[in-house]
Amino acid sequence: MPTDIACYRCGASLASLSLPLSRQDACPSCSVYLHVCRMCVSFDQNVAAQCREDDAEAVSEKEHANFCEWFLPASNSFDAKRATADQQSRDQLEALFGSDAGNAASDDVATNSDAEDLFK
């Protein structure tokens, strides 16, 4: 098993985690689950079902935690191009909706309490 693995999403080192990775292990930097197809040595976007392991069950969501018994973490799963594209998308969303887009849930709570006050 590789010991120099990095998070597939942010590229942070996962040396502090014990191997084998459990289904619930998450990246200490970006908090994504790590027992996912995109993090596996058998993941290959150019083959059927994006998996080179013939006996593995099909997994439709390649970035969601799964129970695959064939999972082995890959040392080369981080793709800097993809990470840059993800960050550009986040920046565009922030420019479009503002930096308070993540605080929309707290605004909804205030609106709900105002509406509930009408019925008291």
C-alpha atoms as a PDB file:
ATOM      1  CA  MET A   1       0.000   0.000   0.000  1.00  0.00           C
ATOM      2  CA  PRO A   2       1.392   3.438  -0.839  1.00  0.00           C
ATOM      3  CA  THR A   3       2.492   5.507   2.143  1.00  0.00           C
ATOM      4  CA  ASP A   4       2.864   8.845   0.333  1.00  0.00           C
ATOM      5  CA  ILE A   5      -0.810   9.325  -0.498  1.00  0.00           C
ATOM      6  CA  ALA A   6      -2.478  12.704  -0.891  1.00  0.00           C
ATOM      7  CA  CYS A   7      -6.102  13.803  -0.932  1.00  0.00           C
ATOM      8  CA  TYR A   8      -7.633  13.501  -4.390  1.00  0.00           C
ATOM      9  CA  ARG A   9      -9.457  16.821  -3.962  1.00  0.00           C
ATOM     10  CA  CYS A  10      -6.974  19.241  -2.325  1.00  0.00           C
ATOM     11  CA  GLY A  11      -3.629  17.411  -2.519  1.00  0.00           C
ATOM     12  CA  ALA A  12      -2.993  17.519   1.246  1.00  0.00           C
ATOM     13  CA  SER A  13      -0.729  14.812   2.633  1.00  0.00           C
ATOM     14  CA  LEU A  14      -2.524  11.927   4.329  1.00  0.00           C
ATOM     15  CA  ALA A  15       0.569  10.581   6.101  1.00  0.00           C
ATOM     16  CA  SER A  16      -1.055  11.199   9.498  1.00  0.00           C
ATOM     17  CA  LEU A  17      -3.860   8.710   8.750  1.00  0.00           C
ATOM     18  CA  SER A  18      -3.420   5.021   9.474  1.00  0.00           C
ATOM     19  CA  LEU A  19      -3.734   2.530   6.651  1.00  0.00           C
ATOM     20  CA  PRO A  20      -5.878   0.875   5.498  1.00  0.00           C
ATOM     21  CA  LEU A  21      -8.292   3.791   5.180  1.00  0.00           C
ATOM     22  CA  SER A  22     -11.705   3.149   6.682  1.00  0.00           C
ATOM     23  CA  ARG A  23     -14.939   4.083   4.947  1.00  0.00           C
ATOM     24  CA  GLN A  24     -15.369   7.096   7.253  1.00  0.00           C
ATOM     25  CA  ASP A  25     -11.838   8.528   6.991  1.00  0.00           C
ATOM     26  CA  ALA A  26     -11.828  12.120   5.809  1.00  0.00           C
ATOM     27  CA  CYS A  27      -9.144  14.508   4.627  1.00  0.00           C
ATOM     28  CA  PRO A  28      -7.848  16.588   7.558  1.00  0.00           C
ATOM     29  CA  SER A  29      -7.583  19.607   5.250  1.00  0.00           C
ATOM     30  CA  CYS A  30     -10.792  19.677   3.161  1.00  0.00           C
ATOM     31  CA  SER A  31     -12.962  17.099   5.009  1.00  0.00           C
ATOM     32  CA  VAL A  32     -13.929  14.986   1.972  1.00  0.00           C
ATOM     33  CA  TYR A  33     -14.313  11.236   2.385  1.00  0.00           C
ATOM     34  CA  LEU A  34     -11.278   9.303   1.196  1.00  0.00           C
ATOM     35  CA  HIS A  35     -12.645   5.764   0.670  1.00  0.00           C
ATOM     36  CA  VAL A  36     -13.937   6.791  -2.768  1.00  0.00           C
ATOM     37  CA  CYS A  37     -13.398   5.552  -6.308  1.00  0.00           C
ATOM     38  CA  ARG A  38     -11.430   8.663  -7.350  1.00  0.00           C
ATOM     39  CA  MET A  39      -8.859   7.833  -4.671  1.00  0.00           C
ATOM     40  CA  CYS A  40      -8.386   4.192  -5.737  1.00  0.00           C
ATOM     41  CA  VAL A  41      -5.576   2.627  -7.792  1.00  0.00           C
ATOM     42  CA  SER A  42      -8.222   0.924  -9.963  1.00  0.00           C
ATOM     43  CA  PHE A  43      -9.982   4.179 -10.907  1.00  0.00           C
ATOM     44  CA  ASP A  44      -9.595   4.929 -14.606  1.00  0.00           C
ATOM     45  CA  GLN A  45     -11.860   7.346 -16.476  1.00  0.00           C
ATOM     46  CA  ASN A  46     -11.039   5.641 -19.776  1.00  0.00           C
ATOM     47  CA  VAL A  47     -12.534   2.197 -19.035  1.00  0.00           C
ATOM     48  CA  ALA A  48     -16.061   0.907 -18.609  1.00  0.00           C
ATOM     49  CA  ALA A  49     -17.580   1.870 -15.235  1.00  0.00           C
ATOM     50  CA  GLN A  50     -14.333   3.841 -14.646  1.00  0.00           C
ATOM     51  CA  CYS A  51     -12.827   0.879 -12.769  1.00  0.00           C
ATOM     52  CA  ARG A  52     -10.106  -1.536 -13.893  1.00  0.00           C
ATOM     53  CA  GLU A  53     -11.163  -4.146 -11.303  1.00  0.00           C
ATOM     54  CA  ASP A  54     -13.526  -6.541 -13.080  1.00  0.00           C
ATOM     55  CA  ASP A  55     -14.947  -8.062  -9.882  1.00  0.00           C
ATOM     56  CA  ALA A  56     -15.778  -4.758  -8.184  1.00  0.00           C
ATOM     57  CA  GLU A  57     -19.417  -3.760  -7.826  1.00  0.00           C
ATOM     58  CA  ALA A  58     -20.490  -0.759  -9.888  1.00  0.00           C
ATOM     59  CA  VAL A  59     -20.438   2.547  -7.998  1.00  0.00           C
ATOM     60  CA  SER A  60     -22.299   5.413  -9.629  1.00  0.00           C
ATOM     61  CA  GLU A  61     -20.990   8.262  -7.447  1.00  0.00           C
ATOM     62  CA  LYS A  62     -17.199   8.179  -7.757  1.00  0.00           C
ATOM     63  CA  GLU A  63     -16.641  10.835  -5.053  1.00  0.00           C
ATOM     64  CA  HIS A  64     -18.941   9.360  -2.369  1.00  0.00           C
ATOM     65  CA  ALA A  65     -17.769   6.980   0.327  1.00  0.00           C
ATOM     66  CA  ASN A  66     -18.401   3.343  -0.604  1.00  0.00           C
ATOM     67  CA  PHE A  67     -17.902  -0.196   0.670  1.00  0.00           C
ATOM     68  CA  CYS A  68     -15.735  -1.486  -2.193  1.00  0.00           C
ATOM     69  CA  GLU A  69     -13.610  -4.392  -1.006  1.00  0.00           C
ATOM     70  CA  TRP A  70     -11.056  -3.797  -3.782  1.00  0.00           C
ATOM     71  CA  PHE A  71     -10.197  -0.262  -2.651  1.00  0.00           C
ATOM     72  CA  LEU A  72      -6.489   0.596  -2.423  1.00  0.00           C
ATOM     73  CA  PRO A  73      -5.493   4.272  -2.119  1.00  0.00           C
ATOM     74  CA  ALA A  74      -3.514   5.651  -5.034  1.00  0.00           C
ATOM     75  CA  SER A  75      -0.520   7.897  -4.577  1.00  0.00           C
ATOM     76  CA  ASN A  76      -1.279   9.803  -7.790  1.00  0.00           C
ATOM     77  CA  SER A  77      -4.986  10.543  -7.357  1.00  0.00           C
ATOM     78  CA  PHE A  78      -4.550  14.318  -6.910  1.00  0.00           C
ATOM     79  CA  ASP A  79      -5.048  16.205 -10.185  1.00  0.00           C
ATOM     80  CA  ALA A  80      -3.812  19.801  -9.962  1.00  0.00           C
ATOM     81  CA  LYS A  81      -5.636  20.783 -13.178  1.00  0.00           C
ATOM     82  CA  ARG A  82      -8.940  19.578 -11.780  1.00  0.00           C
ATOM     83  CA  ALA A  83      -8.325  21.325  -8.445  1.00  0.00           C
ATOM     84  CA  THR A  84      -7.597  24.584 -10.277  1.00  0.00           C
ATOM     85  CA  ALA A  85     -10.791  24.235 -12.315  1.00  0.00           C
ATOM     86  CA  ASP A  86     -12.788  23.547  -9.121  1.00  0.00           C
ATOM     87  CA  GLN A  87     -11.351  26.633  -7.454  1.00  0.00           C
ATOM     88  CA  GLN A  88     -12.121  28.765 -10.510  1.00  0.00           C
ATOM     89  CA  SER A  89     -15.725  27.549 -10.384  1.00  0.00           C
ATOM     90  CA  ARG A  90     -15.968  28.426  -6.685  1.00  0.00           C
ATOM     91  CA  ASP A  91     -14.509  31.874  -7.384  1.00  0.00           C
ATOM     92  CA  GLN A  92     -17.061  32.466 -10.152  1.00  0.00           C
ATOM     93  CA  LEU A  93     -19.913  31.421  -7.850  1.00  0.00           C
ATOM     94  CA  GLU A  94     -18.637  33.738  -5.148  1.00  0.00           C
ATOM     95  CA  ALA A  95     -18.410  36.605  -7.648  1.00  0.00           C
ATOM     96  CA  LEU A  96     -21.948  35.904  -8.834  1.00  0.00           C
ATOM     97  CA  PHE A  97     -23.628  35.364  -5.458  1.00  0.00           C
ATOM     98  CA  GLY A  98     -21.220  37.177  -3.145  1.00  0.00           C
ATOM     99  CA  SER A  99     -19.094  35.839  -0.339  1.00  0.00           C
ATOM    100  CA  ASP A 100     -22.134  35.525   1.967  1.00  0.00           C
ATOM    101  CA  ALA A 101     -23.639  32.704  -0.138  1.00  0.00           C
ATOM    102  CA  GLY A 102     -22.734  30.236   2.626  1.00  0.00           C
ATOM    103  CA  ASN A 103     -24.645  32.311   5.190  1.00  0.00           C
ATOM    104  CA  ALA A 104     -27.977  31.976   3.363  1.00  0.00           C
ATOM    105  CA  ALA A 105     -29.143  29.317   5.836  1.00  0.00           C
ATOM    106  CA  SER A 106     -28.841  31.733   8.774  1.00  0.00           C
ATOM    107  CA  ASP A 107     -30.872  34.326   6.828  1.00  0.00           C
ATOM    108  CA  ASP A 108     -33.612  31.711   6.324  1.00  0.00           C
ATOM    109  CA  VAL A 109     -33.766  31.080  10.070  1.00  0.00           C
ATOM    110  CA  ALA A 110     -34.343  34.786  10.737  1.00  0.00           C
ATOM    111  CA  THR A 111     -37.033  34.916   8.051  1.00  0.00           C
ATOM    112  CA  ASN A 112     -38.776  31.846   9.508  1.00  0.00           C
ATOM    113  CA  SER A 113     -38.834  33.328  13.012  1.00  0.00           C
ATOM    114  CA  ASP A 114     -40.297  36.566  11.629  1.00  0.00           C
ATOM    115  CA  ALA A 115     -43.026  34.598   9.888  1.00  0.00           C
ATOM    116  CA  GLU A 116     -43.772  32.572  13.028  1.00  0.00           C
ATOM    117  CA  ASP A 117     -44.151  35.798  15.015  1.00  0.00           C
ATOM    118  CA  LEU A 118     -47.120  36.674  12.783  1.00  0.00           C
ATOM    119  CA  PHE A 119     -49.083  33.730  14.160  1.00  0.00           C
ATOM    120  CA  LYS A 120     -48.528  34.401  17.880  1.00  0.00           C
END
